Amino acid sequence: MSSQEFARARRPEQKQQRRDTILAAARGLALEQGANRVTLGSVAEVVGLAKSNVIRYFSTREEIFLVLAAEGWQQWRDAVSERLEAGDDVVGALAGTLVELPLFCDLLSVTATVLEHNISLEAARTFKHTALGTVHALAAQVCRSLPGLTEDEGRDLVTTAAALAGMLYPVATPPPVLIELYAQEPELDAARPPLLPTLHRTLAGLAAGLPALR
């Protein structure tokens, strides 16, 4: 589809195609650069549209990435389900699948501080329903696999896993200037937490300790 046809499309399926194209462009840029460095203008440039056309579908760049964050929650839920059904332990499933979803971890790191700002009420509502619904679904799976946990404790484990991934990911995957610094001064790199082992160890401790706190 040419840029002109893309801009003039009116049928519902064409509008959905535009949304999907915009999301795909933002996803690709975020994987290359990090979500925080992607602008609405750079997304528009990739899809061959003016920013004024892009905002017909997403009012702000934050709304674009909030949709991708919601997709990430659903991808995480599905990946954890697959791991648990295959016989993996809960902590390994939660931690391992997060590490396999770098864009989701990146978006988790900026959800509260960036993505939930400068958005419409409806965009916020849609995202929160998706995220909370996923937490409840994951918590139910966790409790089935770890019957010693209550429903509330299962939710605590899931939400902590997501929050910890969002906090650790930017530290564990530093920008080029820090990579260069760490190469020059390895003792500074020693303070950088490895993502998967840190997630696994912390979640294992939490899973073991939650029942003791009742």
N, C-alpha and C. Protein backbone atom coordinates (compact mmCIF):
# COMPACT_ATOMS: atom_id res chain seq x y z
N MET A 1 0.85 -1.20 0.00
CA MET A 1 0.00 0.00 0.00
C MET A 1 0.88 1.24 0.00
N SER A 2 0.62 2.17 -0.90
CA SER A 2 1.41 3.39 -0.97
C SER A 2 1.06 4.31 0.19
N SER A 3 1.93 5.33 0.42
CA SER A 3 1.67 6.28 1.49
C SER A 3 0.34 7.00 1.28
N GLN A 4 0.04 7.33 0.00
CA GLN A 4 -1.20 8.04 -0.28
C GLN A 4 -2.40 7.15 0.00
N GLU A 5 -2.33 5.89 -0.44
CA GLU A 5 -3.42 4.96 -0.17
C GLU A 5 -3.57 4.72 1.32
N PHE A 6 -2.40 4.64 1.99
CA PHE A 6 -2.40 4.43 3.44
C PHE A 6 -3.12 5.57 4.16
N ALA A 7 -2.87 6.79 3.71
CA ALA A 7 -3.47 7.96 4.36
C ALA A 7 -4.96 8.07 4.07
N ARG A 8 -5.40 7.58 2.89
CA ARG A 8 -6.79 7.77 2.50
C ARG A 8 -7.69 6.58 2.85
N ALA A 9 -7.12 5.49 3.32
CA ALA A 9 -7.92 4.29 3.60
C ALA A 9 -9.01 4.63 4.61
N ARG A 10 -10.19 4.07 4.39
CA ARG A 10 -11.33 4.39 5.24
C ARG A 10 -12.03 3.16 5.82
N ARG A 11 -11.88 2.01 5.19
CA ARG A 11 -12.59 0.83 5.67
C ARG A 11 -12.02 0.36 7.00
N PRO A 12 -12.85 -0.28 7.84
CA PRO A 12 -12.38 -0.71 9.17
C PRO A 12 -11.12 -1.55 9.11
N GLU A 13 -11.04 -2.47 8.14
CA GLU A 13 -9.85 -3.32 8.06
C GLU A 13 -8.61 -2.52 7.67
N GLN A 14 -8.83 -1.43 6.88
CA GLN A 14 -7.70 -0.59 6.52
C GLN A 14 -7.23 0.24 7.72
N LYS A 15 -8.20 0.70 8.51
CA LYS A 15 -7.83 1.44 9.73
C LYS A 15 -7.06 0.54 10.69
N GLN A 16 -7.50 -0.71 10.81
CA GLN A 16 -6.79 -1.64 11.68
C GLN A 16 -5.38 -1.89 11.15
N GLN A 17 -5.27 -1.96 9.81
CA GLN A 17 -3.95 -2.15 9.21
C GLN A 17 -3.03 -0.99 9.56
N ARG A 18 -3.56 0.22 9.53
CA ARG A 18 -2.76 1.38 9.88
C ARG A 18 -2.27 1.28 11.32
N ARG A 19 -3.22 0.95 12.21
CA ARG A 19 -2.83 0.82 13.63
C ARG A 19 -1.73 -0.23 13.78
N ASP A 20 -1.92 -1.36 13.12
CA ASP A 20 -0.93 -2.43 13.24
C ASP A 20 0.42 -2.00 12.68
N THR A 21 0.40 -1.24 11.60
CA THR A 21 1.64 -0.77 10.99
C THR A 21 2.36 0.20 11.91
N ILE A 22 1.60 1.10 12.52
CA ILE A 22 2.18 2.06 13.46
C ILE A 22 2.77 1.34 14.66
N LEU A 23 2.04 0.37 15.19
CA LEU A 23 2.53 -0.39 16.33
C LEU A 23 3.80 -1.18 15.97
N ALA A 24 3.81 -1.76 14.78
CA ALA A 24 4.98 -2.52 14.35
C ALA A 24 6.20 -1.62 14.22
N ALA A 25 6.00 -0.42 13.70
CA ALA A 25 7.11 0.53 13.57
C ALA A 25 7.64 0.92 14.94
N ALA A 26 6.74 1.23 15.86
CA ALA A 26 7.16 1.61 17.21
C ALA A 26 7.87 0.45 17.91
N ARG A 27 7.36 -0.75 17.71
CA ARG A 27 7.98 -1.94 18.31
C ARG A 27 9.40 -2.13 17.80
N GLY A 28 9.57 -2.01 16.49
CA GLY A 28 10.90 -2.18 15.92
C GLY A 28 11.88 -1.12 16.40
N LEU A 29 11.44 0.13 16.43
CA LEU A 29 12.31 1.21 16.89
C LEU A 29 12.68 1.03 18.35
N ALA A 30 11.71 0.63 19.16
CA ALA A 30 11.97 0.45 20.59
C ALA A 30 12.97 -0.67 20.84
N LEU A 31 12.87 -1.74 20.07
CA LEU A 31 13.81 -2.84 20.23
C LEU A 31 15.22 -2.41 19.83
N GLU A 32 15.32 -1.51 18.88
CA GLU A 32 16.63 -1.03 18.43
C GLU A 32 17.21 0.03 19.36
N GLN A 33 16.35 0.94 19.83
CA GLN A 33 16.84 2.14 20.50
C GLN A 33 16.46 2.23 21.98
N GLY A 34 15.45 1.46 22.39
CA GLY A 34 14.86 1.66 23.71
C GLY A 34 13.65 2.56 23.58
N ALA A 35 12.57 2.20 24.24
CA ALA A 35 11.30 2.92 24.07
C ALA A 35 11.41 4.40 24.39
N ASN A 36 12.19 4.75 25.39
CA ASN A 36 12.27 6.14 25.81
C ASN A 36 12.90 7.05 24.77
N ARG A 37 13.63 6.47 23.81
CA ARG A 37 14.30 7.28 22.79
C ARG A 37 13.45 7.42 21.53
N VAL A 38 12.35 6.73 21.46
CA VAL A 38 11.52 6.76 20.25
C VAL A 38 10.54 7.91 20.33
N THR A 39 10.50 8.73 19.29
CA THR A 39 9.58 9.86 19.24
C THR A 39 8.41 9.55 18.30
N LEU A 40 7.37 10.32 18.44
CA LEU A 40 6.24 10.18 17.53
C LEU A 40 6.68 10.48 16.10
N GLY A 41 7.58 11.44 15.95
CA GLY A 41 8.08 11.77 14.63
C GLY A 41 8.84 10.63 13.98
N SER A 42 9.63 9.91 14.77
CA SER A 42 10.40 8.80 14.20
C SER A 42 9.48 7.66 13.79
N VAL A 43 8.42 7.44 14.55
CA VAL A 43 7.44 6.42 14.17
C VAL A 43 6.75 6.82 12.87
N ALA A 44 6.33 8.08 12.80
CA ALA A 44 5.67 8.58 11.58
C ALA A 44 6.57 8.45 10.37
N GLU A 45 7.85 8.71 10.56
CA GLU A 45 8.79 8.62 9.45
C GLU A 45 8.90 7.19 8.93
N VAL A 46 8.95 6.23 9.84
CA VAL A 46 9.08 4.83 9.43
C VAL A 46 7.85 4.38 8.64
N VAL A 47 6.65 4.80 9.06
CA VAL A 47 5.44 4.36 8.35
C VAL A 47 5.11 5.25 7.16
N GLY A 48 5.88 6.33 6.98
CA GLY A 48 5.68 7.18 5.81
C GLY A 48 4.50 8.11 5.92
N LEU A 49 4.20 8.58 7.14
CA LEU A 49 3.07 9.48 7.36
C LEU A 49 3.52 10.73 8.09
N ALA A 50 2.72 11.77 7.99
CA ALA A 50 2.92 12.93 8.84
C ALA A 50 2.44 12.60 10.25
N LYS A 51 3.00 13.29 11.24
CA LYS A 51 2.57 13.04 12.62
C LYS A 51 1.07 13.28 12.78
N SER A 52 0.52 14.25 12.04
CA SER A 52 -0.91 14.54 12.14
C SER A 52 -1.76 13.35 11.74
N ASN A 53 -1.24 12.51 10.84
CA ASN A 53 -1.98 11.31 10.46
C ASN A 53 -1.84 10.21 11.53
N VAL A 54 -0.67 10.12 12.12
CA VAL A 54 -0.46 9.10 13.16
C VAL A 54 -1.36 9.36 14.36
N ILE A 55 -1.53 10.63 14.73
CA ILE A 55 -2.32 10.92 15.93
C ILE A 55 -3.82 10.76 15.70
N ARG A 56 -4.22 10.43 14.49
CA ARG A 56 -5.61 10.04 14.30
C ARG A 56 -5.89 8.68 14.93
N TYR A 57 -4.83 7.92 15.13
CA TYR A 57 -4.98 6.56 15.66
C TYR A 57 -4.45 6.44 17.09
N PHE A 58 -3.42 7.22 17.40
CA PHE A 58 -2.86 7.26 18.75
C PHE A 58 -2.57 8.72 19.06
N SER A 59 -3.19 9.23 20.11
CA SER A 59 -3.07 10.67 20.38
C SER A 59 -1.65 11.07 20.72
N THR A 60 -0.89 10.17 21.36
CA THR A 60 0.47 10.49 21.79
C THR A 60 1.36 9.25 21.62
N ARG A 61 2.66 9.47 21.69
CA ARG A 61 3.58 8.34 21.64
C ARG A 61 3.37 7.43 22.85
N GLU A 62 3.00 8.03 23.98
CA GLU A 62 2.76 7.23 25.18
C GLU A 62 1.63 6.24 24.97
N GLU A 63 0.60 6.65 24.25
CA GLU A 63 -0.51 5.73 23.99
C GLU A 63 -0.07 4.57 23.10
N ILE A 64 0.81 4.85 22.15
CA ILE A 64 1.33 3.76 21.31
C ILE A 64 2.04 2.73 22.18
N PHE A 65 2.91 3.18 23.03
CA PHE A 65 3.69 2.25 23.84
C PHE A 65 2.88 1.62 24.96
N LEU A 66 1.81 2.29 25.37
CA LEU A 66 0.93 1.67 26.36
C LEU A 66 0.21 0.47 25.75
N VAL A 67 -0.15 0.58 24.48
CA VAL A 67 -0.75 -0.57 23.79
C VAL A 67 0.26 -1.71 23.69
N LEU A 68 1.51 -1.38 23.38
CA LEU A 68 2.54 -2.41 23.31
C LEU A 68 2.82 -3.01 24.69
N ALA A 69 2.71 -2.20 25.74
CA ALA A 69 2.88 -2.73 27.09
C ALA A 69 1.75 -3.70 27.44
N ALA A 70 0.53 -3.36 27.03
CA ALA A 70 -0.60 -4.27 27.26
C ALA A 70 -0.38 -5.59 26.52
N GLU A 71 0.13 -5.49 25.30
CA GLU A 71 0.46 -6.71 24.55
C GLU A 71 1.52 -7.52 25.30
N GLY A 72 2.47 -6.82 25.90
CA GLY A 72 3.52 -7.49 26.65
C GLY A 72 2.98 -8.27 27.83
N TRP A 73 2.03 -7.67 28.54
CA TRP A 73 1.40 -8.38 29.66
C TRP A 73 0.76 -9.68 29.18
N GLN A 74 0.06 -9.61 28.07
CA GLN A 74 -0.60 -10.80 27.53
C GLN A 74 0.41 -11.84 27.05
N GLN A 75 1.49 -11.38 26.42
CA GLN A 75 2.54 -12.30 25.98
C GLN A 75 3.19 -12.99 27.18
N TRP A 76 3.42 -12.24 28.24
CA TRP A 76 4.01 -12.82 29.45
C TRP A 76 3.09 -13.89 30.04
N ARG A 77 1.81 -13.56 30.13
CA ARG A 77 0.84 -14.54 30.65
C ARG A 77 0.88 -15.84 29.83
N ASP A 78 0.86 -15.71 28.52
CA ASP A 78 0.86 -16.90 27.67
C ASP A 78 2.16 -17.69 27.80
N ALA A 79 3.28 -16.97 27.91
CA ALA A 79 4.57 -17.65 28.02
C ALA A 79 4.70 -18.38 29.35
N VAL A 80 4.22 -17.76 30.44
CA VAL A 80 4.26 -18.42 31.74
C VAL A 80 3.36 -19.66 31.73
N SER A 81 2.19 -19.53 31.15
CA SER A 81 1.27 -20.68 31.05
C SER A 81 1.94 -21.85 30.34
N GLU A 82 2.61 -21.53 29.25
CA GLU A 82 3.27 -22.59 28.47
C GLU A 82 4.36 -23.27 29.29
N ARG A 83 5.13 -22.47 30.04
CA ARG A 83 6.21 -23.03 30.86
C ARG A 83 5.64 -23.91 31.97
N LEU A 84 4.59 -23.43 32.62
CA LEU A 84 4.01 -24.20 33.73
C LEU A 84 3.39 -25.50 33.23
N GLU A 85 2.73 -25.43 32.10
CA GLU A 85 2.14 -26.64 31.53
C GLU A 85 3.20 -27.65 31.12
N ALA A 86 4.40 -27.14 30.82
CA ALA A 86 5.51 -28.03 30.45
C ALA A 86 6.22 -28.59 31.68
N GLY A 87 5.80 -28.15 32.87
CA GLY A 87 6.36 -28.70 34.10
C GLY A 87 7.40 -27.84 34.78
N ASP A 88 7.63 -26.62 34.29
CA ASP A 88 8.59 -25.73 34.94
C ASP A 88 8.08 -25.30 36.31
N ASP A 89 9.00 -24.95 37.19
CA ASP A 89 8.60 -24.40 38.49
C ASP A 89 8.15 -22.96 38.32
N VAL A 90 7.39 -22.46 39.28
CA VAL A 90 6.78 -21.14 39.18
C VAL A 90 7.82 -20.04 39.06
N VAL A 91 8.80 -20.06 39.94
CA VAL A 91 9.80 -18.99 39.93
C VAL A 91 10.59 -19.00 38.63
N GLY A 92 10.98 -20.17 38.17
CA GLY A 92 11.70 -20.26 36.91
C GLY A 92 10.87 -19.78 35.74
N ALA A 93 9.57 -20.09 35.77
CA ALA A 93 8.68 -19.66 34.68
C ALA A 93 8.51 -18.15 34.68
N LEU A 94 8.28 -17.56 35.84
CA LEU A 94 8.08 -16.11 35.92
C LEU A 94 9.35 -15.37 35.50
N ALA A 95 10.48 -15.76 36.06
CA ALA A 95 11.73 -15.05 35.79
C ALA A 95 12.21 -15.30 34.36
N GLY A 96 12.19 -16.55 33.93
CA GLY A 96 12.71 -16.88 32.62
C GLY A 96 11.95 -16.24 31.48
N THR A 97 10.64 -16.18 31.60
CA THR A 97 9.84 -15.59 30.53
C THR A 97 10.01 -14.07 30.48
N LEU A 98 10.20 -13.44 31.61
CA LEU A 98 10.44 -12.00 31.60
C LEU A 98 11.73 -11.67 30.85
N VAL A 99 12.76 -12.43 31.10
CA VAL A 99 14.04 -12.18 30.43
C VAL A 99 13.91 -12.38 28.93
N GLU A 100 13.01 -13.26 28.52
CA GLU A 100 12.81 -13.51 27.09
C GLU A 100 11.94 -12.45 26.41
N LEU A 101 11.46 -11.48 27.19
CA LEU A 101 10.61 -10.41 26.65
C LEU A 101 11.26 -9.05 26.94
N PRO A 102 12.37 -8.74 26.26
CA PRO A 102 13.09 -7.51 26.59
C PRO A 102 12.28 -6.23 26.37
N LEU A 103 11.46 -6.20 25.33
CA LEU A 103 10.66 -4.99 25.11
C LEU A 103 9.67 -4.79 26.25
N PHE A 104 9.06 -5.88 26.71
CA PHE A 104 8.13 -5.78 27.84
C PHE A 104 8.86 -5.26 29.08
N CYS A 105 10.06 -5.79 29.35
CA CYS A 105 10.82 -5.31 30.50
C CYS A 105 11.15 -3.83 30.36
N ASP A 106 11.53 -3.42 29.15
CA ASP A 106 11.83 -2.01 28.90
C ASP A 106 10.60 -1.15 29.16
N LEU A 107 9.45 -1.59 28.69
CA LEU A 107 8.22 -0.82 28.89
C LEU A 107 7.79 -0.83 30.35
N LEU A 108 8.01 -1.93 31.05
CA LEU A 108 7.72 -1.96 32.48
C LEU A 108 8.53 -0.91 33.23
N SER A 109 9.75 -0.67 32.76
CA SER A 109 10.63 0.27 33.45
C SER A 109 10.15 1.71 33.35
N VAL A 110 9.29 2.01 32.37
CA VAL A 110 8.83 3.39 32.18
C VAL A 110 7.31 3.52 32.23
N THR A 111 6.61 2.46 32.60
CA THR A 111 5.14 2.54 32.59
C THR A 111 4.62 3.61 33.53
N ALA A 112 5.00 3.53 34.80
CA ALA A 112 4.44 4.46 35.78
C ALA A 112 5.00 5.87 35.63
N THR A 113 6.25 5.99 35.22
CA THR A 113 6.89 7.30 35.17
C THR A 113 6.67 8.05 33.86
N VAL A 114 6.40 7.31 32.77
CA VAL A 114 6.27 7.95 31.45
C VAL A 114 4.97 7.57 30.75
N LEU A 115 4.75 6.28 30.57
CA LEU A 115 3.66 5.85 29.68
C LEU A 115 2.27 6.15 30.23
N GLU A 116 2.12 6.21 31.52
CA GLU A 116 0.80 6.50 32.09
C GLU A 116 0.55 8.00 32.23
N HIS A 117 1.38 8.79 31.61
CA HIS A 117 1.20 10.24 31.56
C HIS A 117 0.90 10.64 30.12
N ASN A 118 0.22 11.76 29.94
CA ASN A 118 -0.06 12.30 28.61
C ASN A 118 -0.87 11.31 27.77
N ILE A 119 -1.87 10.70 28.39
CA ILE A 119 -2.74 9.75 27.69
C ILE A 119 -4.19 10.08 28.00
N SER A 120 -5.09 9.53 27.19
CA SER A 120 -6.51 9.75 27.40
C SER A 120 -7.03 8.84 28.51
N LEU A 121 -8.18 9.20 29.05
CA LEU A 121 -8.81 8.38 30.08
C LEU A 121 -9.12 6.98 29.54
N GLU A 122 -9.57 6.91 28.32
CA GLU A 122 -9.93 5.62 27.74
C GLU A 122 -8.69 4.74 27.53
N ALA A 123 -7.59 5.35 27.11
CA ALA A 123 -6.35 4.59 26.96
C ALA A 123 -5.88 4.05 28.30
N ALA A 124 -5.99 4.88 29.33
CA ALA A 124 -5.60 4.43 30.68
C ALA A 124 -6.50 3.30 31.15
N ARG A 125 -7.80 3.43 30.93
CA ARG A 125 -8.75 2.40 31.35
C ARG A 125 -8.46 1.07 30.66
N THR A 126 -8.27 1.12 29.36
CA THR A 126 -8.02 -0.11 28.60
C THR A 126 -6.75 -0.80 29.09
N PHE A 127 -5.69 -0.02 29.29
CA PHE A 127 -4.43 -0.61 29.74
C PHE A 127 -4.57 -1.22 31.12
N LYS A 128 -5.17 -0.49 32.05
CA LYS A 128 -5.27 -0.98 33.42
C LYS A 128 -6.11 -2.25 33.50
N HIS A 129 -7.17 -2.32 32.74
CA HIS A 129 -7.99 -3.54 32.73
C HIS A 129 -7.18 -4.72 32.20
N THR A 130 -6.39 -4.49 31.16
CA THR A 130 -5.57 -5.56 30.59
C THR A 130 -4.51 -6.01 31.59
N ALA A 131 -3.79 -5.06 32.16
CA ALA A 131 -2.70 -5.40 33.08
C ALA A 131 -3.24 -6.10 34.32
N LEU A 132 -4.30 -5.55 34.90
CA LEU A 132 -4.84 -6.14 36.13
C LEU A 132 -5.45 -7.51 35.85
N GLY A 133 -6.13 -7.63 34.71
CA GLY A 133 -6.70 -8.93 34.36
C GLY A 133 -5.61 -9.98 34.18
N THR A 134 -4.48 -9.57 33.62
CA THR A 134 -3.37 -10.50 33.44
C THR A 134 -2.77 -10.89 34.78
N VAL A 135 -2.63 -9.94 35.67
CA VAL A 135 -2.10 -10.25 37.01
C VAL A 135 -2.98 -11.28 37.70
N HIS A 136 -4.29 -11.09 37.64
CA HIS A 136 -5.20 -12.04 38.28
C HIS A 136 -5.09 -13.42 37.64
N ALA A 137 -5.00 -13.46 36.30
CA ALA A 137 -4.88 -14.74 35.61
C ALA A 137 -3.58 -15.45 35.98
N LEU A 138 -2.49 -14.70 36.00
CA LEU A 138 -1.21 -15.28 36.37
C LEU A 138 -1.20 -15.73 37.82
N ALA A 139 -1.79 -14.94 38.70
CA ALA A 139 -1.84 -15.31 40.12
C ALA A 139 -2.59 -16.61 40.32
N ALA A 140 -3.67 -16.81 39.57
CA ALA A 140 -4.42 -18.05 39.68
C ALA A 140 -3.56 -19.24 39.24
N GLN A 141 -2.80 -19.06 38.17
CA GLN A 141 -1.91 -20.12 37.71
C GLN A 141 -0.82 -20.41 38.74
N VAL A 142 -0.27 -19.35 39.32
CA VAL A 142 0.76 -19.51 40.33
C VAL A 142 0.23 -20.30 41.52
N CYS A 143 -0.97 -19.98 41.96
CA CYS A 143 -1.54 -20.66 43.13
C CYS A 143 -1.85 -22.13 42.84
N ARG A 144 -2.21 -22.43 41.61
CA ARG A 144 -2.44 -23.83 41.26
C ARG A 144 -1.12 -24.61 41.28
N SER A 145 -0.04 -23.95 40.89
CA SER A 145 1.25 -24.63 40.87
C SER A 145 1.94 -24.60 42.23
N LEU A 146 1.62 -23.62 43.04
CA LEU A 146 2.15 -23.53 44.41
C LEU A 146 0.97 -23.43 45.37
N PRO A 147 0.32 -24.54 45.66
CA PRO A 147 -0.90 -24.51 46.48
C PRO A 147 -0.69 -23.97 47.88
N GLY A 148 0.56 -23.83 48.30
CA GLY A 148 0.82 -23.26 49.62
C GLY A 148 0.62 -21.77 49.69
N LEU A 149 0.45 -21.11 48.53
CA LEU A 149 0.24 -19.67 48.49
C LEU A 149 -1.24 -19.33 48.42
N THR A 150 -1.63 -18.27 49.09
CA THR A 150 -2.99 -17.77 48.96
C THR A 150 -3.12 -16.97 47.67
N GLU A 151 -4.34 -16.60 47.32
CA GLU A 151 -4.55 -15.81 46.11
C GLU A 151 -3.83 -14.47 46.20
N ASP A 152 -3.92 -13.83 47.37
CA ASP A 152 -3.24 -12.55 47.54
C ASP A 152 -1.73 -12.70 47.41
N GLU A 153 -1.20 -13.78 47.95
CA GLU A 153 0.24 -14.01 47.86
C GLU A 153 0.68 -14.30 46.43
N GLY A 154 -0.18 -15.00 45.70
CA GLY A 154 0.11 -15.22 44.28
C GLY A 154 0.18 -13.91 43.52
N ARG A 155 -0.75 -13.00 43.81
CA ARG A 155 -0.71 -11.68 43.16
C ARG A 155 0.54 -10.92 43.56
N ASP A 156 0.91 -11.01 44.84
CA ASP A 156 2.12 -10.32 45.29
C ASP A 156 3.35 -10.82 44.53
N LEU A 157 3.41 -12.13 44.31
CA LEU A 157 4.57 -12.70 43.61
C LEU A 157 4.61 -12.22 42.16
N VAL A 158 3.46 -12.20 41.51
CA VAL A 158 3.39 -11.78 40.10
C VAL A 158 3.72 -10.29 39.96
N THR A 159 3.11 -9.46 40.78
CA THR A 159 3.34 -8.02 40.65
C THR A 159 4.78 -7.66 41.02
N THR A 160 5.34 -8.37 41.99
CA THR A 160 6.74 -8.12 42.35
C THR A 160 7.67 -8.53 41.22
N ALA A 161 7.36 -9.64 40.56
CA ALA A 161 8.17 -10.08 39.43
C ALA A 161 8.21 -9.01 38.35
N ALA A 162 7.04 -8.46 38.01
CA ALA A 162 6.97 -7.43 36.98
C ALA A 162 7.68 -6.15 37.42
N ALA A 163 7.45 -5.74 38.66
CA ALA A 163 8.08 -4.51 39.16
C ALA A 163 9.59 -4.66 39.21
N LEU A 164 10.06 -5.82 39.64
CA LEU A 164 11.50 -6.04 39.75
C LEU A 164 12.15 -6.08 38.37
N ALA A 165 11.47 -6.70 37.41
CA ALA A 165 11.99 -6.72 36.04
C ALA A 165 12.11 -5.30 35.50
N GLY A 166 11.10 -4.48 35.74
CA GLY A 166 11.14 -3.10 35.27
C GLY A 166 12.24 -2.30 35.91
N MET A 167 12.55 -2.59 37.17
CA MET A 167 13.62 -1.86 37.86
C MET A 167 15.00 -2.36 37.43
N LEU A 168 15.15 -3.68 37.27
CA LEU A 168 16.46 -4.24 36.98
C LEU A 168 16.87 -4.11 35.52
N TYR A 169 15.90 -4.15 34.61
CA TYR A 169 16.23 -4.22 33.19
C TYR A 169 17.13 -3.08 32.72
N PRO A 170 16.82 -1.81 33.01
CA PRO A 170 17.69 -0.74 32.51
C PRO A 170 19.07 -0.76 33.14
N VAL A 171 19.19 -1.30 34.36
CA VAL A 171 20.50 -1.38 35.01
C VAL A 171 21.31 -2.52 34.42
N ALA A 172 20.62 -3.64 34.14
CA ALA A 172 21.30 -4.82 33.60
C ALA A 172 21.65 -4.68 32.13
N THR A 173 20.97 -3.76 31.43
CA THR A 173 21.25 -3.53 30.00
C THR A 173 21.62 -2.06 29.81
N PRO A 174 22.84 -1.70 30.18
CA PRO A 174 23.23 -0.29 30.18
C PRO A 174 23.42 0.27 28.78
N PRO A 175 23.39 1.60 28.65
CA PRO A 175 23.63 2.26 27.36
C PRO A 175 25.10 2.16 26.97
N PRO A 176 25.40 2.49 25.71
CA PRO A 176 26.78 2.33 25.21
C PRO A 176 27.84 3.03 26.04
N VAL A 177 27.54 4.22 26.56
CA VAL A 177 28.56 4.94 27.31
C VAL A 177 28.94 4.19 28.58
N LEU A 178 27.98 3.54 29.22
CA LEU A 178 28.30 2.76 30.42
C LEU A 178 29.01 1.47 30.07
N ILE A 179 28.65 0.87 28.95
CA ILE A 179 29.36 -0.33 28.50
C ILE A 179 30.84 0.00 28.28
N GLU A 180 31.10 1.14 27.67
CA GLU A 180 32.49 1.57 27.47
C GLU A 180 33.19 1.81 28.80
N LEU A 181 32.48 2.46 29.73
CA LEU A 181 33.05 2.71 31.05
C LEU A 181 33.37 1.41 31.77
N TYR A 182 32.44 0.45 31.72
CA TYR A 182 32.66 -0.82 32.40
C TYR A 182 33.83 -1.59 31.78
N ALA A 183 34.02 -1.44 30.47
CA ALA A 183 35.16 -2.10 29.82
C ALA A 183 36.47 -1.51 30.32
N GLN A 184 36.47 -0.21 30.60
CA GLN A 184 37.67 0.45 31.08
C GLN A 184 37.90 0.21 32.57
N GLU A 185 36.78 0.11 33.32
CA GLU A 185 36.88 -0.06 34.77
C GLU A 185 35.96 -1.21 35.21
N PRO A 186 36.42 -2.45 35.06
CA PRO A 186 35.58 -3.62 35.36
C PRO A 186 35.04 -3.65 36.78
N GLU A 187 35.73 -3.00 37.71
CA GLU A 187 35.23 -3.01 39.09
C GLU A 187 33.89 -2.30 39.20
N LEU A 188 33.63 -1.34 38.30
CA LEU A 188 32.33 -0.68 38.30
C LEU A 188 31.25 -1.61 37.77
N ASP A 189 31.62 -2.42 36.80
CA ASP A 189 30.66 -3.37 36.22
C ASP A 189 30.24 -4.42 37.22
N ALA A 190 31.07 -4.66 38.22
CA ALA A 190 30.75 -5.68 39.22
C ALA A 190 29.48 -5.36 39.99
N ALA A 191 29.09 -4.09 40.02
CA ALA A 191 27.89 -3.69 40.73
C ALA A 191 26.63 -3.84 39.89
N ARG A 192 26.80 -4.19 38.61
CA ARG A 192 25.64 -4.34 37.73
C ARG A 192 25.00 -5.70 37.96
N PRO A 193 23.71 -5.74 38.38
CA PRO A 193 23.09 -7.03 38.68
C PRO A 193 22.74 -7.81 37.42
N PRO A 194 23.09 -9.10 37.36
CA PRO A 194 22.66 -9.93 36.22
C PRO A 194 21.15 -10.14 36.31
N LEU A 195 20.46 -9.95 35.20
CA LEU A 195 19.00 -9.89 35.23
C LEU A 195 18.36 -11.20 35.69
N LEU A 196 18.63 -12.29 34.99
CA LEU A 196 17.94 -13.54 35.32
C LEU A 196 18.29 -14.07 36.70
N PRO A 197 19.57 -14.18 37.07
CA PRO A 197 19.86 -14.69 38.42
C PRO A 197 19.27 -13.83 39.53
N THR A 198 19.29 -12.52 39.35
CA THR A 198 18.75 -11.64 40.39
C THR A 198 17.24 -11.79 40.50
N LEU A 199 16.57 -11.84 39.36
CA LEU A 199 15.12 -12.07 39.38
C LEU A 199 14.80 -13.40 40.06
N HIS A 200 15.48 -14.45 39.64
CA HIS A 200 15.19 -15.78 40.16
C HIS A 200 15.43 -15.85 41.67
N ARG A 201 16.56 -15.36 42.12
CA ARG A 201 16.89 -15.42 43.55
C ARG A 201 15.90 -14.62 44.40
N THR A 202 15.56 -13.44 43.94
CA THR A 202 14.65 -12.59 44.71
C THR A 202 13.24 -13.19 44.75
N LEU A 203 12.76 -13.67 43.62
CA LEU A 203 11.42 -14.26 43.59
C LEU A 203 11.37 -15.56 44.38
N ALA A 204 12.44 -16.34 44.35
CA ALA A 204 12.47 -17.57 45.15
C ALA A 204 12.38 -17.25 46.63
N GLY A 205 13.11 -16.22 47.06
CA GLY A 205 13.05 -15.82 48.46
C GLY A 205 11.66 -15.32 48.84
N LEU A 206 11.04 -14.56 47.93
CA LEU A 206 9.71 -14.03 48.22
C LEU A 206 8.69 -15.17 48.29
N ALA A 207 8.75 -16.10 47.36
CA ALA A 207 7.81 -17.21 47.35
C ALA A 207 7.92 -18.04 48.61
N ALA A 208 9.16 -18.23 49.07
CA ALA A 208 9.37 -19.01 50.30
C ALA A 208 8.95 -18.23 51.54
N GLY A 209 9.12 -16.90 51.50
CA GLY A 209 8.87 -16.11 52.69
C GLY A 209 7.45 -15.65 52.88
N LEU A 210 6.67 -15.56 51.82
CA LEU A 210 5.30 -15.05 51.94
C LEU A 210 4.46 -15.82 52.94
N PRO A 211 4.44 -17.17 52.91
CA PRO A 211 3.63 -17.88 53.91
C PRO A 211 4.06 -17.61 55.33
N ALA A 212 5.35 -17.36 55.53
CA ALA A 212 5.85 -17.12 56.88
C ALA A 212 5.40 -15.78 57.43
N LEU A 213 4.96 -14.89 56.55
CA LEU A 213 4.53 -13.56 56.99
C LEU A 213 3.07 -13.48 57.37
N ARG A 214 2.36 -14.57 57.25
CA ARG A 214 0.92 -14.53 57.57
C ARG A 214 0.71 -14.28 59.06
